mmCIF file of all heavy atoms, coordinates in Angstrom:
data_MODEL
# 
_entry.id   MODEL 
# 
loop_
_atom_site.group_PDB 
_atom_site.id 
_atom_site.type_symbol 
_atom_site.label_atom_id 
_atom_site.label_alt_id 
_atom_site.label_comp_id 
_atom_site.label_asym_id 
_atom_site.label_entity_id 
_atom_site.label_seq_id 
_atom_site.pdbx_PDB_ins_code 
_atom_site.Cartn_x 
_atom_site.Cartn_y 
_atom_site.Cartn_z 
_atom_site.occupancy 
_atom_site.B_iso_or_equiv 
_atom_site.pdbx_formal_charge 
_atom_site.auth_seq_id 
_atom_site.auth_comp_id 
_atom_site.auth_asym_id 
_atom_site.auth_atom_id 
_atom_site.pdbx_PDB_model_num 
ATOM 1   N N   . LEU A 1 1  ? 18.784 12.876  58.103 1.00 0.00 ? 1  LEU A N   1 
ATOM 2   C CA  . LEU A 1 1  ? 18.862 13.625  56.848 1.00 0.00 ? 1  LEU A CA  1 
ATOM 3   C C   . LEU A 1 1  ? 17.669 13.335  55.943 1.00 0.00 ? 1  LEU A C   1 
ATOM 4   O O   . LEU A 1 1  ? 17.121 14.243  55.300 1.00 0.00 ? 1  LEU A O   1 
ATOM 5   C CB  . LEU A 1 1  ? 20.166 13.268  56.129 1.00 0.00 ? 1  LEU A CB  1 
ATOM 6   C CG  . LEU A 1 1  ? 20.505 14.061  54.874 1.00 0.00 ? 1  LEU A CG  1 
ATOM 7   C CD1 . LEU A 1 1  ? 20.763 15.524  55.214 1.00 0.00 ? 1  LEU A CD1 1 
ATOM 8   C CD2 . LEU A 1 1  ? 21.744 13.450  54.207 1.00 0.00 ? 1  LEU A CD2 1 
ATOM 9   N N   . SER A 1 2  ? 17.270 12.062  55.881 1.00 0.00 ? 2  SER A N   1 
ATOM 10  C CA  . SER A 1 2  ? 16.176 11.692  54.978 1.00 0.00 ? 2  SER A CA  1 
ATOM 11  C C   . SER A 1 2  ? 15.421 10.482  55.506 1.00 0.00 ? 2  SER A C   1 
ATOM 12  O O   . SER A 1 2  ? 16.042 9.461   55.843 1.00 0.00 ? 2  SER A O   1 
ATOM 13  C CB  . SER A 1 2  ? 16.716 11.364  53.586 1.00 0.00 ? 2  SER A CB  1 
ATOM 14  O OG  . SER A 1 2  ? 15.702 10.795  52.780 1.00 0.00 ? 2  SER A OG  1 
ATOM 15  N N   . PRO A 1 3  ? 14.089 10.554  55.554 1.00 0.00 ? 3  PRO A N   1 
ATOM 16  C CA  . PRO A 1 3  ? 13.308 9.381   55.984 1.00 0.00 ? 3  PRO A CA  1 
ATOM 17  C C   . PRO A 1 3  ? 13.430 8.218   55.014 1.00 0.00 ? 3  PRO A C   1 
ATOM 18  O O   . PRO A 1 3  ? 13.140 7.080   55.372 1.00 0.00 ? 3  PRO A O   1 
ATOM 19  C CB  . PRO A 1 3  ? 11.876 9.914   56.031 1.00 0.00 ? 3  PRO A CB  1 
ATOM 20  C CG  . PRO A 1 3  ? 11.858 11.073  55.091 1.00 0.00 ? 3  PRO A CG  1 
ATOM 21  C CD  . PRO A 1 3  ? 13.221 11.692  55.201 1.00 0.00 ? 3  PRO A CD  1 
ATOM 22  N N   . TRP A 1 4  ? 13.858 8.502   53.788 1.00 0.00 ? 4  TRP A N   1 
ATOM 23  C CA  . TRP A 1 4  ? 13.943 7.445   52.785 1.00 0.00 ? 4  TRP A CA  1 
ATOM 24  C C   . TRP A 1 4  ? 15.142 6.533   53.001 1.00 0.00 ? 4  TRP A C   1 
ATOM 25  O O   . TRP A 1 4  ? 15.200 5.434   52.457 1.00 0.00 ? 4  TRP A O   1 
ATOM 26  C CB  . TRP A 1 4  ? 13.962 8.059   51.378 1.00 0.00 ? 4  TRP A CB  1 
ATOM 27  C CG  . TRP A 1 4  ? 12.723 8.864   51.145 1.00 0.00 ? 4  TRP A CG  1 
ATOM 28  C CD1 . TRP A 1 4  ? 12.617 10.225  51.109 1.00 0.00 ? 4  TRP A CD1 1 
ATOM 29  C CD2 . TRP A 1 4  ? 11.395 8.357   50.976 1.00 0.00 ? 4  TRP A CD2 1 
ATOM 30  N NE1 . TRP A 1 4  ? 11.307 10.606  50.931 1.00 0.00 ? 4  TRP A NE1 1 
ATOM 31  C CE2 . TRP A 1 4  ? 10.537 9.474   50.837 1.00 0.00 ? 4  TRP A CE2 1 
ATOM 32  C CE3 . TRP A 1 4  ? 10.836 7.082   50.934 1.00 0.00 ? 4  TRP A CE3 1 
ATOM 33  C CZ2 . TRP A 1 4  ? 9.170  9.345   50.657 1.00 0.00 ? 4  TRP A CZ2 1 
ATOM 34  C CZ3 . TRP A 1 4  ? 9.476  6.955   50.756 1.00 0.00 ? 4  TRP A CZ3 1 
ATOM 35  C CH2 . TRP A 1 4  ? 8.654  8.071   50.614 1.00 0.00 ? 4  TRP A CH2 1 
ATOM 36  N N   . PHE A 1 5  ? 16.090 6.971   53.815 1.00 0.00 ? 5  PHE A N   1 
ATOM 37  C CA  . PHE A 1 5  ? 17.199 6.082   54.175 1.00 0.00 ? 5  PHE A CA  1 
ATOM 38  C C   . PHE A 1 5  ? 16.651 4.864   54.926 1.00 0.00 ? 5  PHE A C   1 
ATOM 39  O O   . PHE A 1 5  ? 16.889 3.712   54.542 1.00 0.00 ? 5  PHE A O   1 
ATOM 40  C CB  . PHE A 1 5  ? 18.210 6.835   55.037 1.00 0.00 ? 5  PHE A CB  1 
ATOM 41  C CG  . PHE A 1 5  ? 19.308 5.962   55.576 1.00 0.00 ? 5  PHE A CG  1 
ATOM 42  C CD1 . PHE A 1 5  ? 20.395 5.643   54.792 1.00 0.00 ? 5  PHE A CD1 1 
ATOM 43  C CD2 . PHE A 1 5  ? 19.251 5.459   56.878 1.00 0.00 ? 5  PHE A CD2 1 
ATOM 44  C CE1 . PHE A 1 5  ? 21.422 4.830   55.284 1.00 0.00 ? 5  PHE A CE1 1 
ATOM 45  C CE2 . PHE A 1 5  ? 20.261 4.650   57.377 1.00 0.00 ? 5  PHE A CE2 1 
ATOM 46  C CZ  . PHE A 1 5  ? 21.351 4.336   56.573 1.00 0.00 ? 5  PHE A CZ  1 
ATOM 47  N N   . GLY A 1 6  ? 15.920 5.119   56.004 1.00 0.00 ? 6  GLY A N   1 
ATOM 48  C CA  . GLY A 1 6  ? 15.381 4.014   56.784 1.00 0.00 ? 6  GLY A CA  1 
ATOM 49  C C   . GLY A 1 6  ? 14.298 3.234   56.067 1.00 0.00 ? 6  GLY A C   1 
ATOM 50  O O   . GLY A 1 6  ? 14.162 2.020   56.256 1.00 0.00 ? 6  GLY A O   1 
ATOM 51  N N   . ARG A 1 7  ? 13.511 3.928   55.240 1.00 0.00 ? 7  ARG A N   1 
ATOM 52  C CA  . ARG A 1 7  ? 12.492 3.211   54.469 1.00 0.00 ? 7  ARG A CA  1 
ATOM 53  C C   . ARG A 1 7  ? 13.155 2.215   53.515 1.00 0.00 ? 7  ARG A C   1 
ATOM 54  O O   . ARG A 1 7  ? 12.688 1.074   53.349 1.00 0.00 ? 7  ARG A O   1 
ATOM 55  C CB  . ARG A 1 7  ? 11.620 4.208   53.691 1.00 0.00 ? 7  ARG A CB  1 
ATOM 56  C CG  . ARG A 1 7  ? 10.769 5.136   54.541 1.00 0.00 ? 7  ARG A CG  1 
ATOM 57  C CD  . ARG A 1 7  ? 9.650  4.389   55.249 1.00 0.00 ? 7  ARG A CD  1 
ATOM 58  N NE  . ARG A 1 7  ? 8.713  3.764   54.341 1.00 0.00 ? 7  ARG A NE  1 
ATOM 59  C CZ  . ARG A 1 7  ? 7.614  4.337   53.843 1.00 0.00 ? 7  ARG A CZ  1 
ATOM 60  N NH1 . ARG A 1 7  ? 7.319  5.597   54.177 1.00 0.00 ? 7  ARG A NH1 1 
ATOM 61  N NH2 . ARG A 1 7  ? 6.797  3.668   53.052 1.00 0.00 ? 7  ARG A NH2 1 
ATOM 62  N N   . THR A 1 8  ? 14.249 2.642   52.883 1.00 0.00 ? 8  THR A N   1 
ATOM 63  C CA  . THR A 1 8  ? 14.962 1.739   51.972 1.00 0.00 ? 8  THR A CA  1 
ATOM 64  C C   . THR A 1 8  ? 15.611 0.599   52.740 1.00 0.00 ? 8  THR A C   1 
ATOM 65  O O   . THR A 1 8  ? 15.546 -0.569  52.323 1.00 0.00 ? 8  THR A O   1 
ATOM 66  C CB  . THR A 1 8  ? 16.019 2.515   51.178 1.00 0.00 ? 8  THR A CB  1 
ATOM 67  O OG1 . THR A 1 8  ? 15.400 3.627   50.530 1.00 0.00 ? 8  THR A OG1 1 
ATOM 68  C CG2 . THR A 1 8  ? 16.670 1.633   50.123 1.00 0.00 ? 8  THR A CG2 1 
ATOM 69  N N   . LEU A 1 9  ? 16.229 0.905   53.862 1.00 0.00 ? 9  LEU A N   1 
ATOM 70  C CA  . LEU A 1 9  ? 16.784 -0.158  54.702 1.00 0.00 ? 9  LEU A CA  1 
ATOM 71  C C   . LEU A 1 9  ? 15.673 -1.096  55.153 1.00 0.00 ? 9  LEU A C   1 
ATOM 72  O O   . LEU A 1 9  ? 15.873 -2.313  55.252 1.00 0.00 ? 9  LEU A O   1 
ATOM 73  C CB  . LEU A 1 9  ? 17.507 0.446   55.904 1.00 0.00 ? 9  LEU A CB  1 
ATOM 74  C CG  . LEU A 1 9  ? 18.202 -0.541  56.843 1.00 0.00 ? 9  LEU A CG  1 
ATOM 75  C CD1 . LEU A 1 9  ? 19.231 -1.383  56.112 1.00 0.00 ? 9  LEU A CD1 1 
ATOM 76  C CD2 . LEU A 1 9  ? 18.850 0.207   58.010 1.00 0.00 ? 9  LEU A CD2 1 
ATOM 77  N N   . GLY A 1 10 ? 14.483 -0.549  55.388 1.00 0.00 ? 10 GLY A N   1 
ATOM 78  C CA  . GLY A 1 10 ? 13.345 -1.382  55.764 1.00 0.00 ? 10 GLY A CA  1 
ATOM 79  C C   . GLY A 1 10 ? 13.004 -2.419  54.698 1.00 0.00 ? 10 GLY A C   1 
ATOM 80  O O   . GLY A 1 10 ? 12.577 -3.537  55.037 1.00 0.00 ? 10 GLY A O   1 
ATOM 81  N N   . ARG A 1 11 ? 13.161 -2.065  53.432 1.00 0.00 ? 11 ARG A N   1 
ATOM 82  C CA  . ARG A 1 11 ? 12.948 -3.061  52.362 1.00 0.00 ? 11 ARG A CA  1 
ATOM 83  C C   . ARG A 1 11 ? 13.932 -4.213  52.509 1.00 0.00 ? 11 ARG A C   1 
ATOM 84  O O   . ARG A 1 11 ? 13.580 -5.386  52.328 1.00 0.00 ? 11 ARG A O   1 
ATOM 85  C CB  . ARG A 1 11 ? 13.126 -2.413  50.988 1.00 0.00 ? 11 ARG A CB  1 
ATOM 86  C CG  . ARG A 1 11 ? 12.037 -1.441  50.580 1.00 0.00 ? 11 ARG A CG  1 
ATOM 87  C CD  . ARG A 1 11 ? 12.081 -1.199  49.081 1.00 0.00 ? 11 ARG A CD  1 
ATOM 88  N NE  . ARG A 1 11 ? 11.630 -2.388  48.354 1.00 0.00 ? 11 ARG A NE  1 
ATOM 89  C CZ  . ARG A 1 11 ? 12.000 -2.687  47.102 1.00 0.00 ? 11 ARG A CZ  1 
ATOM 90  N NH1 . ARG A 1 11 ? 12.833 -1.894  46.456 1.00 0.00 ? 11 ARG A NH1 1 
ATOM 91  N NH2 . ARG A 1 11 ? 11.543 -3.762  46.513 1.00 0.00 ? 11 ARG A NH2 1 
ATOM 92  N N   . GLN A 1 12 ? 15.201 -3.878  52.827 1.00 0.00 ? 12 GLN A N   1 
ATOM 93  C CA  . GLN A 1 12 ? 16.197 -4.924  53.026 1.00 0.00 ? 12 GLN A CA  1 
ATOM 94  C C   . GLN A 1 12 ? 15.879 -5.765  54.258 1.00 0.00 ? 12 GLN A C   1 
ATOM 95  O O   . GLN A 1 12 ? 16.021 -6.992  54.237 1.00 0.00 ? 12 GLN A O   1 
ATOM 96  C CB  . GLN A 1 12 ? 17.577 -4.294  53.167 1.00 0.00 ? 12 GLN A CB  1 
ATOM 97  C CG  . GLN A 1 12 ? 18.703 -5.267  53.459 1.00 0.00 ? 12 GLN A CG  1 
ATOM 98  C CD  . GLN A 1 12 ? 18.871 -6.295  52.376 1.00 0.00 ? 12 GLN A CD  1 
ATOM 99  O OE1 . GLN A 1 12 ? 19.611 -6.079  51.428 1.00 0.00 ? 12 GLN A OE1 1 
ATOM 100 N NE2 . GLN A 1 12 ? 18.185 -7.440  52.488 1.00 0.00 ? 12 GLN A NE2 1 
ATOM 101 N N   . VAL A 1 13 ? 15.418 -5.116  55.310 1.00 0.00 ? 13 VAL A N   1 
ATOM 102 C CA  . VAL A 1 13 ? 15.055 -5.845  56.532 1.00 0.00 ? 13 VAL A CA  1 
ATOM 103 C C   . VAL A 1 13 ? 13.889 -6.789  56.261 1.00 0.00 ? 13 VAL A C   1 
ATOM 104 O O   . VAL A 1 13 ? 13.879 -7.938  56.711 1.00 0.00 ? 13 VAL A O   1 
ATOM 105 C CB  . VAL A 1 13 ? 14.713 -4.858  57.663 1.00 0.00 ? 13 VAL A CB  1 
ATOM 106 C CG1 . VAL A 1 13 ? 14.145 -5.586  58.869 1.00 0.00 ? 13 VAL A CG1 1 
ATOM 107 C CG2 . VAL A 1 13 ? 15.949 -4.058  58.075 1.00 0.00 ? 13 VAL A CG2 1 
ATOM 108 N N   . ALA A 1 14 ? 12.904 -6.323  55.506 1.00 0.00 ? 14 ALA A N   1 
ATOM 109 C CA  . ALA A 1 14 ? 11.756 -7.175  55.182 1.00 0.00 ? 14 ALA A CA  1 
ATOM 110 C C   . ALA A 1 14 ? 12.199 -8.430  54.449 1.00 0.00 ? 14 ALA A C   1 
ATOM 111 O O   . ALA A 1 14 ? 11.763 -9.555  54.776 1.00 0.00 ? 14 ALA A O   1 
ATOM 112 C CB  . ALA A 1 14 ? 10.750 -6.386  54.335 1.00 0.00 ? 14 ALA A CB  1 
ATOM 113 N N   . GLN A 1 15 ? 13.063 -8.268  53.456 1.00 0.00 ? 15 GLN A N   1 
ATOM 114 C CA  . GLN A 1 15 ? 13.564 -9.437  52.733 1.00 0.00 ? 15 GLN A CA  1 
ATOM 115 C C   . GLN A 1 15 ? 14.317 -10.377 53.663 1.00 0.00 ? 15 GLN A C   1 
ATOM 116 O O   . GLN A 1 15 ? 14.155 -11.605 53.615 1.00 0.00 ? 15 GLN A O   1 
ATOM 117 C CB  . GLN A 1 15 ? 14.474 -9.007  51.583 1.00 0.00 ? 15 GLN A CB  1 
ATOM 118 C CG  . GLN A 1 15 ? 14.966 -10.188 50.742 1.00 0.00 ? 15 GLN A CG  1 
ATOM 119 C CD  . GLN A 1 15 ? 16.358 -9.985  50.160 1.00 0.00 ? 15 GLN A CD  1 
ATOM 120 O OE1 . GLN A 1 15 ? 17.102 -9.128  50.619 1.00 0.00 ? 15 GLN A OE1 1 
ATOM 121 N NE2 . GLN A 1 15 ? 16.693 -10.765 49.143 1.00 0.00 ? 15 GLN A NE2 1 
ATOM 122 N N   . ALA A 1 16 ? 15.149 -9.818  54.538 1.00 0.00 ? 16 ALA A N   1 
ATOM 123 C CA  . ALA A 1 16 ? 15.964 -10.642 55.425 1.00 0.00 ? 16 ALA A CA  1 
ATOM 124 C C   . ALA A 1 16 ? 15.104 -11.395 56.436 1.00 0.00 ? 16 ALA A C   1 
ATOM 125 O O   . ALA A 1 16 ? 15.382 -12.557 56.754 1.00 0.00 ? 16 ALA A O   1 
ATOM 126 C CB  . ALA A 1 16 ? 16.989 -9.762  56.142 1.00 0.00 ? 16 ALA A CB  1 
ATOM 127 N N   . LEU A 1 17 ? 14.072 -10.752 56.956 1.00 0.00 ? 17 LEU A N   1 
ATOM 128 C CA  . LEU A 1 17 ? 13.177 -11.444 57.885 1.00 0.00 ? 17 LEU A CA  1 
ATOM 129 C C   . LEU A 1 17 ? 12.515 -12.635 57.206 1.00 0.00 ? 17 LEU A C   1 
ATOM 130 O O   . LEU A 1 17 ? 12.430 -13.735 57.779 1.00 0.00 ? 17 LEU A O   1 
ATOM 131 C CB  . LEU A 1 17 ? 12.115 -10.470 58.400 1.00 0.00 ? 17 LEU A CB  1 
ATOM 132 C CG  . LEU A 1 17 ? 12.578 -9.398  59.391 1.00 0.00 ? 17 LEU A CG  1 
ATOM 133 C CD1 . LEU A 1 17 ? 11.497 -8.341  59.582 1.00 0.00 ? 17 LEU A CD1 1 
ATOM 134 C CD2 . LEU A 1 17 ? 12.949 -10.011 60.738 1.00 0.00 ? 17 LEU A CD2 1 
ATOM 135 N N   . ARG A 1 18 ? 12.039 -12.417 55.977 1.00 0.00 ? 18 ARG A N   1 
ATOM 136 C CA  . ARG A 1 18 ? 11.395 -13.524 55.254 1.00 0.00 ? 18 ARG A CA  1 
ATOM 137 C C   . ARG A 1 18 ? 12.396 -14.641 54.963 1.00 0.00 ? 18 ARG A C   1 
ATOM 138 O O   . ARG A 1 18 ? 12.094 -15.829 55.148 1.00 0.00 ? 18 ARG A O   1 
ATOM 139 C CB  . ARG A 1 18 ? 10.807 -13.003 53.941 1.00 0.00 ? 18 ARG A CB  1 
ATOM 140 C CG  . ARG A 1 18 ? 9.645  -12.032 54.092 1.00 0.00 ? 18 ARG A CG  1 
ATOM 141 C CD  . ARG A 1 18 ? 9.071  -11.700 52.718 1.00 0.00 ? 18 ARG A CD  1 
ATOM 142 N NE  . ARG A 1 18 ? 8.028  -10.687 52.762 1.00 0.00 ? 18 ARG A NE  1 
ATOM 143 C CZ  . ARG A 1 18 ? 8.163  -9.451  52.302 1.00 0.00 ? 18 ARG A CZ  1 
ATOM 144 N NH1 . ARG A 1 18 ? 9.309  -9.069  51.754 1.00 0.00 ? 18 ARG A NH1 1 
ATOM 145 N NH2 . ARG A 1 18 ? 7.157  -8.588  52.380 1.00 0.00 ? 18 ARG A NH2 1 
ATOM 146 N N   . ALA A 1 19 ? 13.586 -14.264 54.496 1.00 0.00 ? 19 ALA A N   1 
ATOM 147 C CA  . ALA A 1 19 ? 14.565 -15.261 54.074 1.00 0.00 ? 19 ALA A CA  1 
ATOM 148 C C   . ALA A 1 19 ? 15.099 -16.088 55.236 1.00 0.00 ? 19 ALA A C   1 
ATOM 149 O O   . ALA A 1 19 ? 15.451 -17.258 55.060 1.00 0.00 ? 19 ALA A O   1 
ATOM 150 C CB  . ALA A 1 19 ? 15.729 -14.569 53.350 1.00 0.00 ? 19 ALA A CB  1 
ATOM 151 N N   . THR A 1 20 ? 15.166 -15.486 56.412 1.00 0.00 ? 20 THR A N   1 
ATOM 152 C CA  . THR A 1 20 ? 15.751 -16.189 57.548 1.00 0.00 ? 20 THR A CA  1 
ATOM 153 C C   . THR A 1 20 ? 14.704 -16.752 58.510 1.00 0.00 ? 20 THR A C   1 
ATOM 154 O O   . THR A 1 20 ? 15.056 -17.381 59.510 1.00 0.00 ? 20 THR A O   1 
ATOM 155 C CB  . THR A 1 20 ? 16.688 -15.246 58.340 1.00 0.00 ? 20 THR A CB  1 
ATOM 156 O OG1 . THR A 1 20 ? 15.938 -14.144 58.862 1.00 0.00 ? 20 THR A OG1 1 
ATOM 157 C CG2 . THR A 1 20 ? 17.803 -14.720 57.440 1.00 0.00 ? 20 THR A CG2 1 
ATOM 158 N N   . GLY A 1 21 ? 13.429 -16.527 58.223 1.00 0.00 ? 21 GLY A N   1 
ATOM 159 C CA  . GLY A 1 21 ? 12.364 -17.069 59.055 1.00 0.00 ? 21 GLY A CA  1 
ATOM 160 C C   . GLY A 1 21 ? 12.362 -16.521 60.468 1.00 0.00 ? 21 GLY A C   1 
ATOM 161 O O   . GLY A 1 21 ? 12.011 -17.226 61.416 1.00 0.00 ? 21 GLY A O   1 
ATOM 162 N N   . THR A 1 22 ? 12.732 -15.241 60.614 1.00 0.00 ? 22 THR A N   1 
ATOM 163 C CA  . THR A 1 22 ? 12.763 -14.619 61.939 1.00 0.00 ? 22 THR A CA  1 
ATOM 164 C C   . THR A 1 22 ? 11.730 -13.496 62.015 1.00 0.00 ? 22 THR A C   1 
ATOM 165 O O   . THR A 1 22 ? 11.213 -13.038 60.984 1.00 0.00 ? 22 THR A O   1 
ATOM 166 C CB  . THR A 1 22 ? 14.167 -14.057 62.246 1.00 0.00 ? 22 THR A CB  1 
ATOM 167 O OG1 . THR A 1 22 ? 14.565 -13.167 61.200 1.00 0.00 ? 22 THR A OG1 1 
ATOM 168 C CG2 . THR A 1 22 ? 15.186 -15.180 62.348 1.00 0.00 ? 22 THR A CG2 1 
ATOM 169 N N   . ASP A 1 23 ? 11.425 -13.062 63.248 1.00 0.00 ? 23 ASP A N   1 
ATOM 170 C CA  . ASP A 1 23 ? 10.391 -12.039 63.405 1.00 0.00 ? 23 ASP A CA  1 
ATOM 171 C C   . ASP A 1 23 ? 10.790 -10.958 64.410 1.00 0.00 ? 23 ASP A C   1 
ATOM 172 O O   . ASP A 1 23 ? 9.946  -10.275 64.969 1.00 0.00 ? 23 ASP A O   1 
ATOM 173 C CB  . ASP A 1 23 ? 9.058  -12.667 63.812 1.00 0.00 ? 23 ASP A CB  1 
ATOM 174 C CG  . ASP A 1 23 ? 9.108  -13.375 65.160 1.00 0.00 ? 23 ASP A CG  1 
ATOM 175 O OD1 . ASP A 1 23 ? 10.191 -13.382 65.805 1.00 0.00 ? 23 ASP A OD1 1 
ATOM 176 O OD2 . ASP A 1 23 ? 8.074  -13.918 65.583 1.00 0.00 ? 23 ASP A OD2 1 
ATOM 177 N N   . GLU A 1 24 ? 12.093 -10.811 64.654 1.00 0.00 ? 24 GLU A N   1 
ATOM 178 C CA  . GLU A 1 24 ? 12.573 -9.750  65.530 1.00 0.00 ? 24 GLU A CA  1 
ATOM 179 C C   . GLU A 1 24 ? 13.629 -8.913  64.822 1.00 0.00 ? 24 GLU A C   1 
ATOM 180 O O   . GLU A 1 24 ? 14.398 -9.438  63.997 1.00 0.00 ? 24 GLU A O   1 
ATOM 181 C CB  . GLU A 1 24 ? 13.180 -10.312 66.824 1.00 0.00 ? 24 GLU A CB  1 
ATOM 182 C CG  . GLU A 1 24 ? 12.154 -10.911 67.770 1.00 0.00 ? 24 GLU A CG  1 
ATOM 183 C CD  . GLU A 1 24 ? 12.739 -11.207 69.141 1.00 0.00 ? 24 GLU A CD  1 
ATOM 184 O OE1 . GLU A 1 24 ? 13.972 -11.057 69.332 1.00 0.00 ? 24 GLU A OE1 1 
ATOM 185 O OE2 . GLU A 1 24 ? 11.954 -11.589 70.023 1.00 0.00 ? 24 GLU A OE2 1 
ATOM 186 N N   . VAL A 1 25 ? 13.662 -7.624  65.156 1.00 0.00 ? 25 VAL A N   1 
ATOM 187 C CA  . VAL A 1 25 ? 14.726 -6.727  64.701 1.00 0.00 ? 25 VAL A CA  1 
ATOM 188 C C   . VAL A 1 25 ? 15.432 -6.203  65.941 1.00 0.00 ? 25 VAL A C   1 
ATOM 189 O O   . VAL A 1 25 ? 14.785 -5.821  66.924 1.00 0.00 ? 25 VAL A O   1 
ATOM 190 C CB  . VAL A 1 25 ? 14.162 -5.557  63.873 1.00 0.00 ? 25 VAL A CB  1 
ATOM 191 C CG1 . VAL A 1 25 ? 15.290 -4.617  63.439 1.00 0.00 ? 25 VAL A CG1 1 
ATOM 192 C CG2 . VAL A 1 25 ? 13.396 -6.079  62.661 1.00 0.00 ? 25 VAL A CG2 1 
ATOM 193 N N   . TRP A 1 26 ? 16.752 -6.197  65.901 1.00 0.00 ? 26 TRP A N   1 
ATOM 194 C CA  . TRP A 1 26 ? 17.569 -5.663  66.979 1.00 0.00 ? 26 TRP A CA  1 
ATOM 195 C C   . TRP A 1 26 ? 18.374 -4.496  66.418 1.00 0.00 ? 26 TRP A C   1 
ATOM 196 O O   . TRP A 1 26 ? 19.119 -4.656  65.446 1.00 0.00 ? 26 TRP A O   1 
ATOM 197 C CB  . TRP A 1 26 ? 18.526 -6.727  67.513 1.00 0.00 ? 26 TRP A CB  1 
ATOM 198 C CG  . TRP A 1 26 ? 17.859 -7.812  68.294 1.00 0.00 ? 26 TRP A CG  1 
ATOM 199 C CD1 . TRP A 1 26 ? 17.053 -8.811  67.818 1.00 0.00 ? 26 TRP A CD1 1 
ATOM 200 C CD2 . TRP A 1 26 ? 17.948 -8.024  69.700 1.00 0.00 ? 26 TRP A CD2 1 
ATOM 201 N NE1 . TRP A 1 26 ? 16.630 -9.618  68.830 1.00 0.00 ? 26 TRP A NE1 1 
ATOM 202 C CE2 . TRP A 1 26 ? 17.168 -9.164  70.009 1.00 0.00 ? 26 TRP A CE2 1 
ATOM 203 C CE3 . TRP A 1 26 ? 18.619 -7.367  70.730 1.00 0.00 ? 26 TRP A CE3 1 
ATOM 204 C CZ2 . TRP A 1 26 ? 17.039 -9.649  71.293 1.00 0.00 ? 26 TRP A CZ2 1 
ATOM 205 C CZ3 . TRP A 1 26 ? 18.496 -7.846  72.028 1.00 0.00 ? 26 TRP A CZ3 1 
ATOM 206 C CH2 . TRP A 1 26 ? 17.710 -8.987  72.306 1.00 0.00 ? 26 TRP A CH2 1 
ATOM 207 N N   . GLU A 1 27 ? 18.209 -3.308  67.026 1.00 0.00 ? 27 GLU A N   1 
ATOM 208 C CA  . GLU A 1 27 ? 19.001 -2.162  66.596 1.00 0.00 ? 27 GLU A CA  1 
ATOM 209 C C   . GLU A 1 27 ? 19.946 -1.758  67.717 1.00 0.00 ? 27 GLU A C   1 
ATOM 210 O O   . GLU A 1 27 ? 19.540 -1.570  68.858 1.00 0.00 ? 27 GLU A O   1 
ATOM 211 C CB  . GLU A 1 27 ? 18.120 -0.975  66.214 1.00 0.00 ? 27 GLU A CB  1 
ATOM 212 C CG  . GLU A 1 27 ? 18.949 0.185   65.660 1.00 0.00 ? 27 GLU A CG  1 
ATOM 213 C CD  . GLU A 1 27 ? 18.145 1.411   65.283 1.00 0.00 ? 27 GLU A CD  1 
ATOM 214 O OE1 . GLU A 1 27 ? 16.898 1.355   65.307 1.00 0.00 ? 27 GLU A OE1 1 
ATOM 215 O OE2 . GLU A 1 27 ? 18.777 2.451   64.971 1.00 0.00 ? 27 GLU A OE2 1 
ATOM 216 N N   . PHE A 1 28 ? 21.217 -1.595  67.363 1.00 0.00 ? 28 PHE A N   1 
ATOM 217 C CA  . PHE A 1 28 ? 22.245 -1.186  68.316 1.00 0.00 ? 28 PHE A CA  1 
ATOM 218 C C   . PHE A 1 28 ? 22.522 0.306   68.125 1.00 0.00 ? 28 PHE A C   1 
ATOM 219 O O   . PHE A 1 28 ? 22.810 0.756   67.023 1.00 0.00 ? 28 PHE A O   1 
ATOM 220 C CB  . PHE A 1 28 ? 23.523 -1.997  68.099 1.00 0.00 ? 28 PHE A CB  1 
ATOM 221 C CG  . PHE A 1 28 ? 23.332 -3.466  68.358 1.00 0.00 ? 28 PHE A CG  1 
ATOM 222 C CD1 . PHE A 1 28 ? 22.931 -4.319  67.334 1.00 0.00 ? 28 PHE A CD1 1 
ATOM 223 C CD2 . PHE A 1 28 ? 23.521 -3.990  69.629 1.00 0.00 ? 28 PHE A CD2 1 
ATOM 224 C CE1 . PHE A 1 28 ? 22.734 -5.677  67.563 1.00 0.00 ? 28 PHE A CE1 1 
ATOM 225 C CE2 . PHE A 1 28 ? 23.315 -5.340  69.876 1.00 0.00 ? 28 PHE A CE2 1 
ATOM 226 C CZ  . PHE A 1 28 ? 22.931 -6.183  68.843 1.00 0.00 ? 28 PHE A CZ  1 
# 
């Protein structure tokens, strides 16, 4: 529906990667 959905989720993913010291994303 909108590319901004994933872009916004990407902001959350970026924060989570930094906070947890990880460098992989897994999508189911």
